[in-house]
Protein backbone atom coordinates (compact mmCIF):
# COMPACT_ATOMS: atom_id res chain seq x y z
CA MET A 1 -70.21 -12.76 51.81
CA ASP A 2 -68.19 -10.82 49.23
CA GLY A 3 -64.53 -11.53 49.94
CA THR A 4 -65.45 -14.41 52.23
CA LEU A 5 -67.46 -16.77 50.01
CA TYR A 6 -67.06 -15.17 46.61
CA HIS A 7 -65.66 -12.28 44.60
CA GLY A 8 -68.56 -10.95 42.54
CA GLU A 9 -69.64 -13.94 40.45
CA ARG A 10 -66.56 -16.04 41.25
CA PRO A 11 -66.77 -18.41 44.22
CA ILE A 12 -63.69 -18.61 46.40
CA PRO A 13 -62.16 -22.08 45.99
CA GLY A 14 -63.44 -24.42 48.67
CA ALA A 15 -66.15 -22.04 49.94
CA ALA A 16 -69.11 -24.06 48.67
CA GLU A 17 -67.58 -27.20 50.16
CA PHE A 18 -67.17 -25.41 53.49
CA VAL A 19 -70.87 -24.52 53.57
CA SER A 20 -71.75 -28.11 52.66
CA GLU A 21 -69.53 -29.30 55.52
CA LEU A 22 -71.45 -27.11 57.98
CA ARG A 23 -74.70 -28.69 56.80
CA ALA A 24 -73.25 -32.19 57.08
CA ARG A 25 -72.11 -31.51 60.65
CA GLY A 26 -75.49 -30.00 61.60
CA ILE A 27 -73.95 -26.62 62.40
CA PRO A 28 -76.48 -23.81 61.88
CA PHE A 29 -75.29 -20.73 60.00
CA ARG A 30 -76.44 -17.54 58.34
CA PHE A 31 -75.16 -15.66 55.30
CA LEU A 32 -74.70 -12.02 56.36
CA THR A 33 -74.26 -9.00 54.14
CA ASN A 34 -74.20 -5.26 54.74
CA ASN A 35 -75.02 -4.71 51.07
CA SER A 36 -78.52 -3.22 50.98
CA SER A 37 -78.65 -2.54 47.24
CA HIS A 38 -80.63 -5.74 46.56
CA PRO A 39 -83.30 -7.80 48.35
CA ARG A 40 -82.17 -10.97 50.06
CA ALA A 41 -83.59 -13.18 47.30
CA PHE A 42 -80.94 -11.66 45.02
CA TYR A 43 -78.14 -12.92 47.27
CA ARG A 44 -79.77 -16.34 47.61
CA ASP A 45 -79.99 -16.56 43.82
CA ARG A 46 -76.36 -15.49 43.40
CA LEU A 47 -75.16 -18.11 45.86
CA VAL A 48 -77.14 -20.84 44.09
CA ARG A 49 -76.02 -19.66 40.65
CA ILE A 50 -72.33 -19.92 41.52
CA GLY A 51 -72.54 -23.30 43.19
CA PHE A 52 -73.76 -22.93 46.79
CA ARG A 53 -76.82 -24.50 48.34
CA ALA A 54 -78.70 -21.64 49.98
CA GLU A 55 -82.21 -20.94 51.25
CA THR A 56 -83.79 -17.49 51.38
CA GLU A 57 -84.26 -17.64 55.15
CA GLU A 58 -80.53 -18.29 55.59
CA VAL A 59 -79.69 -14.84 54.23
CA LEU A 60 -79.73 -11.85 56.60
CA THR A 61 -79.13 -8.47 54.99
CA SER A 62 -78.62 -5.13 56.70
CA THR A 63 -81.93 -4.07 55.15
CA LEU A 64 -83.91 -6.75 56.99
CA ALA A 65 -81.95 -6.13 60.18
CA THR A 66 -82.83 -2.44 59.94
CA VAL A 67 -86.52 -3.17 59.37
CA ARG A 68 -86.56 -5.39 62.46
CA TYR A 69 -84.81 -2.68 64.45
CA MET A 70 -87.31 -0.05 63.29
CA LYS A 71 -90.29 -2.24 64.17
CA ARG A 72 -88.85 -2.86 67.63
CA ALA A 73 -87.34 0.52 68.50
CA HIS A 74 -89.61 2.79 66.48
CA ASN A 75 -92.85 0.80 66.53
CA GLY A 76 -92.70 0.39 62.76
CA GLU A 77 -92.97 4.10 62.05
CA ASN A 78 -93.27 5.23 58.44
CA ALA A 79 -90.26 6.31 56.44
CA PHE A 80 -89.10 8.07 53.33
CA VAL A 81 -87.01 5.27 51.88
CA ILE A 82 -83.93 6.00 49.79
CA ALA A 83 -83.45 2.66 48.06
CA THR A 84 -83.59 0.81 44.78
CA PRO A 85 -87.17 -0.03 43.73
CA GLU A 86 -86.72 -3.72 44.64
CA VAL A 87 -85.37 -2.96 48.10
CA LYS A 88 -88.06 -0.35 48.74
CA GLU A 89 -90.68 -2.98 47.95
CA GLU A 90 -88.98 -5.47 50.27
CA ILE A 91 -89.03 -2.87 53.06
CA ARG A 92 -92.72 -2.19 52.45
CA GLU A 93 -93.57 -5.89 52.41
CA ALA A 94 -91.66 -6.33 55.68
CA GLY A 95 -94.02 -3.92 57.40
CA ILE A 96 -92.58 -0.39 57.17
CA GLN A 97 -95.03 2.15 55.81
CA THR A 98 -93.52 3.98 52.86
CA ASP A 99 -96.59 6.13 52.22
CA PHE A 100 -97.03 9.16 54.44
CA HIS A 101 -98.59 12.64 54.59
CA GLY A 102 -96.43 15.64 55.39
CA THR A 103 -93.15 14.83 57.13
CA PRO A 104 -92.28 11.13 57.56
CA ASP A 105 -91.19 9.76 60.92
CA ASN A 106 -87.80 8.76 59.50
CA VAL A 107 -85.57 8.93 56.46
CA LEU A 108 -84.28 5.41 55.81
CA LEU A 109 -81.03 5.39 53.84
CA THR A 110 -79.90 2.20 52.10
CA PHE A 111 -77.17 1.52 49.54
CA ASP A 112 -79.21 3.03 46.74
CA THR A 113 -77.53 2.58 43.36
CA THR A 114 -80.37 4.65 41.83
CA ILE A 115 -79.87 7.64 44.15
CA ASP A 116 -80.30 11.07 42.58
CA TYR A 117 -80.51 14.73 43.54
CA GLN A 118 -84.26 14.61 44.12
CA LYS A 119 -83.98 11.81 46.68
CA ILE A 120 -81.08 13.51 48.45
CA ASN A 121 -82.84 16.85 48.58
CA ARG A 122 -86.16 15.41 49.79
CA GLY A 123 -84.38 13.45 52.51
CA TYR A 124 -82.48 16.57 53.55
CA HIS A 125 -85.64 18.65 53.91
CA TYR A 126 -87.52 15.88 55.76
CA ILE A 127 -84.71 15.63 58.32
CA LEU A 128 -84.74 19.42 58.76
CA GLU A 129 -88.48 19.16 59.39
CA GLY A 130 -87.93 16.65 62.20
CA ALA A 131 -87.60 13.20 60.62
CA GLY A 132 -85.07 10.81 62.11
CA LEU A 133 -82.16 9.45 60.08
CA ILE A 134 -81.67 5.68 59.96
CA ALA A 135 -79.06 3.92 57.82
CA THR A 136 -78.68 0.24 57.03
CA HIS A 137 -74.88 0.13 57.39
CA PRO A 138 -71.81 2.42 57.48
CA ASP A 139 -69.55 1.11 54.68
CA ASP A 140 -67.78 3.75 52.61
CA VAL A 141 -67.11 1.44 49.68
CA CYS A 142 -68.52 -1.82 48.34
CA PRO A 143 -66.17 -4.44 46.86
CA THR A 144 -66.56 -5.47 43.23
CA GLU A 145 -64.73 -8.16 41.27
CA SER A 146 -61.99 -5.74 40.22
CA SER A 147 -62.21 -2.72 42.53
CA TYR A 148 -64.62 -0.85 44.86
CA ASP A 149 -67.76 1.25 44.35
CA VAL A 150 -68.98 4.19 46.45
CA ASP A 151 -71.27 2.86 49.19
CA ILE A 152 -73.55 4.46 51.77
CA GLY A 153 -71.02 5.97 54.20
CA PRO A 154 -70.40 9.25 52.35
CA PHE A 155 -74.15 9.85 52.11
CA ILE A 156 -74.60 9.28 55.84
CA ARG A 157 -71.96 11.93 56.53
CA LEU A 158 -73.57 14.25 53.97
CA PHE A 159 -76.94 14.16 55.74
CA GLU A 160 -75.34 14.39 59.19
CA SER A 161 -73.22 17.41 58.25
CA LEU A 162 -76.08 19.23 56.54
CA THR A 163 -78.69 18.64 59.24
CA GLY A 164 -76.80 18.05 62.48
CA LYS A 165 -78.81 14.84 62.93
CA LYS A 166 -76.88 11.74 64.00
CA ALA A 167 -77.79 8.63 62.06
CA GLU A 168 -78.86 5.39 63.70
CA VAL A 169 -76.79 2.75 61.88
CA VAL A 170 -77.92 -0.86 62.21
CA GLY A 171 -75.68 -3.11 60.09
CA LYS A 172 -72.17 -4.40 60.80
CA PRO A 173 -70.28 -3.55 62.98
CA ASN A 174 -73.37 -2.96 65.13
CA ARG A 175 -73.72 -6.09 67.24
CA LEU A 176 -77.49 -6.02 66.64
CA MET A 177 -77.05 -7.84 63.35
CA LEU A 178 -75.09 -10.67 64.96
CA GLU A 179 -77.63 -10.93 67.77
CA MET A 180 -80.44 -11.19 65.22
CA ALA A 181 -78.60 -13.96 63.39
CA ALA A 182 -78.01 -15.80 66.67
CA ASP A 183 -81.69 -15.52 67.51
CA GLU A 184 -82.64 -16.96 64.11
CA MET A 185 -80.32 -19.91 64.71
CA GLY A 186 -81.66 -20.48 68.22
CA VAL A 187 -78.33 -19.95 69.97
CA SER A 188 -76.80 -17.30 72.20
CA PRO A 189 -74.30 -14.80 70.74
CA SER A 190 -71.59 -16.41 72.88
CA ASP A 191 -72.01 -19.62 70.88
CA VAL A 192 -71.64 -17.89 67.50
CA VAL A 193 -68.44 -17.70 65.47
CA MET A 194 -68.29 -14.72 63.13
CA VAL A 195 -66.39 -15.35 59.88
CA GLY A 196 -65.49 -12.45 57.62
CA ASP A 197 -62.83 -10.61 55.65
CA ARG A 198 -63.23 -7.08 57.04
CA LEU A 199 -61.67 -6.08 60.35
CA SER A 200 -63.69 -2.87 60.63
CA THR A 201 -67.09 -4.53 60.26
CA ASP A 202 -67.09 -8.34 60.51
CA ILE A 203 -64.42 -8.81 63.14
CA ARG A 204 -65.27 -5.70 65.12
CA MET A 205 -68.93 -6.77 65.30
CA GLY A 206 -67.94 -10.17 66.65
CA ALA A 207 -65.57 -8.63 69.16
CA ASP A 208 -68.19 -6.15 70.38
CA ALA A 209 -70.72 -8.98 70.74
CA GLY A 210 -68.28 -11.11 72.73
CA THR A 211 -68.09 -13.89 70.16
CA ARG A 212 -65.15 -15.70 68.63
CA THR A 213 -64.11 -14.49 65.19
CA VAL A 214 -62.33 -15.94 62.18
CA LEU A 215 -60.67 -13.50 59.80
CA VAL A 216 -60.23 -14.86 56.29
CA LEU A 217 -57.43 -13.34 54.22
CA SER A 218 -59.27 -13.94 50.95
CA GLY A 219 -60.85 -10.50 50.74
CA GLU A 220 -60.14 -6.98 51.91
CA THR A 221 -57.65 -7.71 54.69
CA ASP A 222 -54.10 -8.95 54.27
CA ALA A 223 -51.58 -10.01 56.91
CA ASP A 224 -49.98 -6.56 57.15
CA MET A 225 -53.36 -4.86 57.71
CA MET A 226 -54.20 -7.40 60.40
CA ALA A 227 -50.89 -6.78 62.15
CA ARG A 228 -51.45 -3.01 62.21
CA SER A 229 -55.09 -3.10 63.27
CA PRO A 230 -56.20 -2.60 66.89
CA VAL A 231 -59.10 -4.97 66.11
CA LYS A 232 -57.83 -8.53 66.39
CA PRO A 233 -59.60 -11.74 65.35
CA THR A 234 -59.64 -14.88 67.49
CA PHE A 235 -58.30 -16.86 64.53
CA ALA A 236 -57.00 -16.00 61.07
CA VAL A 237 -56.94 -18.36 58.08
CA GLY A 238 -56.27 -18.06 54.37
CA SER A 239 -59.88 -18.69 53.40
CA VAL A 240 -63.01 -20.48 54.59
CA ALA A 241 -61.63 -23.60 52.90
CA ASP A 242 -59.11 -23.79 55.76
CA ILE A 243 -61.65 -23.61 58.57
CA ALA A 244 -62.76 -27.24 58.63
CA SER A 245 -59.26 -28.70 58.77
CA GLU A 246 -57.57 -26.03 60.88
CA LEU A 247 -60.33 -25.18 63.34
CA LEU A 248 -63.31 -27.53 63.31
CA ASP A 249 -61.40 -30.80 63.16
CA THR A 250 -58.91 -29.76 65.82
CA GLY A 251 -61.67 -28.59 68.16
CA ARG A 252 -60.26 -25.07 68.44
CA LEU A 253 -63.68 -23.56 67.80
CA ARG A 254 -65.41 -25.60 70.49
CA ARG A 255 -66.24 -23.70 73.63
CA SER A 256 -64.43 -24.96 76.70
CA PRO A 257 -66.64 -26.44 79.47
């Protein structure tokens, strides 16, 4: 969402109208974010506050995608959760046991803006004792209104280098997140169009899932970066405000029979 629909608390011009146009045309959609520092209600509230119509169930975060993955692939095993208090509570309410005796089944690493030495050290020792390492997403930095903040990626590499344990990473660019969104919308991944501003996550995820992609140049990526990248979008536009006129109205996003 950040860089595609808004910059921090500033909506990108025309973005709210684009979402309204999707509703008017009856096109299902989901708001996706790798940012696991807040529960999804936070992102719903931000969207509404800055002028979008949004429902909680329309937001899919990497946190919720990871919980679903754990419940499916790990039978909902317990975890030592490295997260903000609000996100830890969301994970618990979603069905992952955060209370355990001895060594937990997994260490679950989110974008924890309250991380400290104690959490890092406990996670390190649990992994040495046999716990798995699961991370919500791989981003090194998180965009802000004026710059970037350190994200989860460096901490993933820290745990991997210290323990020799390879992390299971669920969020973008892992195609699992797109497949979950498609399932929520009741469509196949081949009928999804992924819209985003990051080549390394948004566009790569769409490409790996075999879907069409729209790169918007309103966020991280500019035309020069796109030209140099081995990851190529299906379409590129200035912002989501251009999608209705340039792609929807011309039929370029419709799948051929």
